[in-house]
């Protein structure tokens, strides 16, 4: 398979990775333990985990419960809604605007203007 990607190899290849073998083992065990404890309650059969350093190096990656049962790598291939990935941007914007973690916001309808246009966003409960 490697020959198909880079051609015939006639010498040793050195592969460097940022994966930490001990952390990888802990990550795999964590997925198994979490699924054992919560899969029935949340009606899930698989999970994924990616542990990274602040500079983006991947230290551990688990793509599912058991590779022998499913080779699908949920950590890199699964389509999912962004959800909490937006929170750091929302929090940063709020902090830059002078809000603090203690700031209380009302869950009430509000209307804002953008030029001559007015908009009133609503959540799922129409508030």
Protein backbone atom coordinates (compact mmCIF):
# COMPACT_ATOMS: atom_id res chain seq x y z
CA UNK A 1 0.00 0.00 0.00
CA UNK A 2 2.83 2.41 0.78
CA UNK A 3 4.34 1.69 -2.64
CA UNK A 4 1.10 2.98 -4.19
CA UNK A 5 1.49 6.29 -2.34
CA UNK A 6 5.21 7.04 -2.60
CA UNK A 7 6.70 4.40 -4.89
CA UNK A 8 9.20 1.62 -4.26
CA UNK A 9 11.25 2.01 -1.05
CA UNK A 10 14.77 0.57 -0.97
CA UNK A 11 15.88 1.84 2.45
CA UNK A 12 14.70 2.12 6.04
CA UNK A 13 12.07 4.75 6.79
CA UNK A 14 11.97 6.71 10.05
CA UNK A 15 8.47 7.72 11.11
CA UNK A 16 8.14 10.42 13.77
CA UNK A 17 4.88 10.99 15.61
CA UNK A 18 3.63 13.17 18.44
CA UNK A 19 1.51 10.32 19.88
CA UNK A 20 2.34 9.55 23.51
CA UNK A 21 1.95 5.75 23.95
CA UNK A 22 0.97 6.02 27.64
CA UNK A 23 -1.59 8.75 26.94
CA UNK A 24 -2.89 6.73 23.98
CA UNK A 25 -3.51 3.75 26.29
CA UNK A 26 -5.28 5.99 28.80
CA UNK A 27 -7.42 7.50 26.01
CA UNK A 28 -8.45 4.06 24.73
CA UNK A 29 -9.34 2.90 28.25
CA UNK A 30 -11.29 6.13 28.86
CA UNK A 31 -13.47 5.59 25.79
CA UNK A 32 -14.18 2.00 26.83
CA UNK A 33 -14.97 3.04 30.42
CA UNK A 34 -17.21 5.97 29.41
CA UNK A 35 -19.14 3.86 26.93
CA UNK A 36 -19.57 1.08 29.49
CA UNK A 37 -20.93 3.58 32.01
CA UNK A 38 -23.07 5.77 29.75
CA UNK A 39 -23.85 4.08 26.43
CA UNK A 40 -27.24 2.75 27.51
CA UNK A 41 -28.32 6.01 29.19
CA UNK A 42 -27.40 8.14 26.16
CA UNK A 43 -28.19 5.50 23.51
CA UNK A 44 -24.70 5.54 21.98
CA UNK A 45 -22.47 2.67 20.95
CA UNK A 46 -19.32 4.50 19.88
CA UNK A 47 -17.14 7.41 20.95
CA UNK A 48 -14.09 9.33 19.84
CA UNK A 49 -11.31 11.29 21.52
CA UNK A 50 -8.50 13.54 20.33
CA UNK A 51 -5.97 14.90 22.86
CA UNK A 52 -3.78 17.73 21.58
CA UNK A 53 -1.16 20.10 22.92
CA UNK A 54 -1.74 23.86 22.61
CA UNK A 55 0.53 23.93 19.54
CA UNK A 56 -1.66 21.36 17.76
CA UNK A 57 0.40 18.19 18.24
CA UNK A 58 -1.84 15.13 18.53
CA UNK A 59 -0.90 13.23 21.69
CA UNK A 60 -3.67 10.60 21.55
CA UNK A 61 -6.47 9.71 19.13
CA UNK A 62 -9.24 7.14 19.48
CA UNK A 63 -11.66 6.74 16.58
CA UNK A 64 -14.09 4.28 18.15
CA UNK A 65 -14.74 1.60 20.73
CA UNK A 66 -12.91 -1.24 19.01
CA UNK A 67 -10.99 -1.10 15.73
CA UNK A 68 -11.58 -4.81 15.09
CA UNK A 69 -15.36 -4.22 15.13
CA UNK A 70 -15.34 -0.98 13.12
CA UNK A 71 -12.49 0.63 11.20
CA UNK A 72 -14.45 3.89 10.82
CA UNK A 73 -12.43 6.65 12.53
CA UNK A 74 -14.98 8.93 14.19
CA UNK A 75 -12.26 11.25 15.47
CA UNK A 76 -11.36 12.47 11.98
CA UNK A 77 -14.12 11.31 9.61
CA UNK A 78 -17.44 11.72 11.43
CA UNK A 79 -19.64 14.63 10.41
CA UNK A 80 -20.91 16.51 13.43
CA UNK A 81 -22.42 19.85 14.24
CA UNK A 82 -19.89 22.40 15.53
CA UNK A 83 -21.68 22.92 18.85
CA UNK A 84 -19.17 23.80 21.55
CA UNK A 85 -16.46 24.63 19.02
CA UNK A 86 -18.04 28.11 18.80
CA UNK A 87 -17.98 28.76 22.55
CA UNK A 88 -14.39 30.12 22.73
CA UNK A 89 -15.26 32.76 20.12
CA UNK A 90 -18.47 33.74 21.90
CA UNK A 91 -16.68 33.89 25.27
CA UNK A 92 -13.80 35.92 23.86
CA UNK A 93 -16.19 38.41 22.29
CA UNK A 94 -18.07 38.76 25.58
CA UNK A 95 -14.88 39.23 27.60
CA UNK A 96 -13.60 41.82 25.12
CA UNK A 97 -16.94 43.64 25.54
CA UNK A 98 -16.36 43.82 29.30
CA UNK A 99 -18.51 40.91 30.47
CA UNK A 100 -17.27 38.51 33.14
CA UNK A 101 -18.15 34.89 34.02
CA UNK A 102 -20.44 36.34 36.71
CA UNK A 103 -22.41 38.45 34.20
CA UNK A 104 -26.05 37.36 34.02
CA UNK A 105 -27.82 37.60 30.68
CA UNK A 106 -31.60 37.54 30.37
CA UNK A 107 -33.12 34.92 28.09
CA UNK A 108 -35.51 37.41 26.56
CA UNK A 109 -36.41 38.54 23.07
CA UNK A 110 -34.28 41.38 21.75
CA UNK A 111 -34.29 43.35 18.54
CA UNK A 112 -31.26 44.94 16.93
CA UNK A 113 -30.73 47.19 13.93
CA UNK A 114 -28.32 46.73 11.06
CA UNK A 115 -28.73 49.88 8.99
CA UNK A 116 -32.41 50.10 8.07
CA UNK A 117 -32.95 46.43 8.79
CA UNK A 118 -34.29 45.13 12.11
CA UNK A 119 -33.73 41.60 13.28
CA UNK A 120 -35.18 39.64 16.20
CA UNK A 121 -33.39 36.30 16.66
CA UNK A 122 -35.32 33.46 18.29
CA UNK A 123 -34.31 30.23 19.95
CA UNK A 124 -36.17 26.94 19.67
CA UNK A 125 -38.74 28.00 22.27
CA UNK A 126 -39.46 31.19 20.24
CA UNK A 127 -37.89 33.49 22.83
